[in-house]
Amino acid sequence: METYDAFESSNIASLKYDSDTLTLQVSFHNGSAYQYFDVPQQIWEAFKLADSKGVFLNAEIKGTYRYSKV
């Protein structure tokens, strides 16, 4: 599991990605967290490089991948 939190975001606190299960976890400053399933490695890499994590989440993750609240 790789954790990524070296970024500034008004909404997102941290990102975690498990390359074995292709599961992305997004944790928010309000304490909530969601897991997104079957997220390809290249999407994870692009997410880490995105200038705005919130914009990327809304444009590339939400509505595309199955998810569950943690």
Protein backbone atom coordinates (compact mmCIF):
# COMPACT_ATOMS: atom_id res chain seq x y z
CA MET A 1 0.00 0.00 0.00
CA GLU A 2 1.39 3.38 -1.01
CA THR A 3 0.30 6.50 0.89
CA TYR A 4 0.53 9.93 -0.69
CA ASP A 5 -0.11 13.08 1.32
CA ALA A 6 2.60 15.48 0.12
CA PHE A 7 0.15 17.98 -1.38
CA GLU A 8 -2.12 20.85 -0.43
CA SER A 9 -5.86 20.41 -0.85
CA SER A 10 -8.78 22.18 0.75
CA ASN A 11 -10.80 18.96 0.76
CA ILE A 12 -8.56 15.88 0.38
CA ALA A 13 -6.28 14.89 3.27
CA SER A 14 -4.51 11.83 1.83
CA LEU A 15 -4.50 9.19 -0.86
CA LYS A 16 -3.65 5.51 -0.55
CA TYR A 17 -3.27 2.99 -3.34
CA ASP A 18 -2.92 -0.77 -3.23
CA SER A 19 -1.41 -1.96 -6.51
CA ASP A 20 -2.19 -5.60 -5.68
CA THR A 21 -5.94 -5.02 -5.46
CA LEU A 22 -6.11 -1.81 -7.58
CA THR A 23 -7.89 -0.08 -4.70
CA LEU A 24 -7.65 3.68 -4.21
CA GLN A 25 -8.60 5.21 -0.87
CA VAL A 26 -9.33 8.91 -0.63
CA SER A 27 -9.46 10.43 2.86
CA PHE A 28 -10.96 13.85 3.41
CA HIS A 29 -10.25 16.57 5.97
CA ASN A 30 -13.77 16.09 7.40
CA GLY A 31 -12.82 12.55 8.45
CA SER A 32 -14.70 10.62 5.77
CA ALA A 33 -12.97 8.18 3.43
CA TYR A 34 -13.93 6.29 0.29
CA GLN A 35 -12.40 3.33 -1.50
CA TYR A 36 -12.54 3.15 -5.29
CA PHE A 37 -12.10 -0.26 -6.91
CA ASP A 38 -10.33 -1.47 -10.07
CA VAL A 39 -8.40 1.79 -10.46
CA PRO A 40 -5.52 1.24 -12.92
CA GLN A 41 -1.95 2.06 -11.92
CA GLN A 42 -1.72 4.78 -14.59
CA ILE A 43 -4.72 6.62 -13.06
CA TRP A 44 -3.01 6.49 -9.66
CA GLU A 45 0.18 7.94 -11.15
CA ALA A 46 -1.78 10.69 -12.92
CA PHE A 47 -3.68 11.47 -9.70
CA LYS A 48 -0.42 12.03 -7.81
CA LEU A 49 0.78 14.42 -10.55
CA ALA A 50 -2.47 16.38 -10.88
CA ASP A 51 -2.25 20.07 -9.98
CA SER A 52 -5.66 19.89 -8.31
CA LYS A 53 -6.50 16.65 -6.55
CA GLY A 54 -10.16 17.66 -6.18
CA VAL A 55 -10.58 18.44 -9.88
CA PHE A 56 -8.92 15.15 -10.83
CA LEU A 57 -11.10 13.20 -8.39
CA ASN A 58 -14.27 14.71 -9.82
CA ALA A 59 -13.23 14.40 -13.47
CA GLU A 60 -11.46 11.02 -13.53
CA ILE A 61 -12.51 8.94 -10.50
CA LYS A 62 -16.05 9.77 -9.37
CA GLY A 63 -18.66 8.22 -11.60
CA THR A 64 -16.08 5.99 -13.31
CA TYR A 65 -15.09 3.46 -10.63
CA ARG A 66 -17.13 1.48 -8.12
CA TYR A 67 -16.75 2.84 -4.61
CA SER A 68 -17.62 2.23 -1.00
CA LYS A 69 -17.56 4.51 2.02
CA VAL A 70 -15.01 3.31 4.56
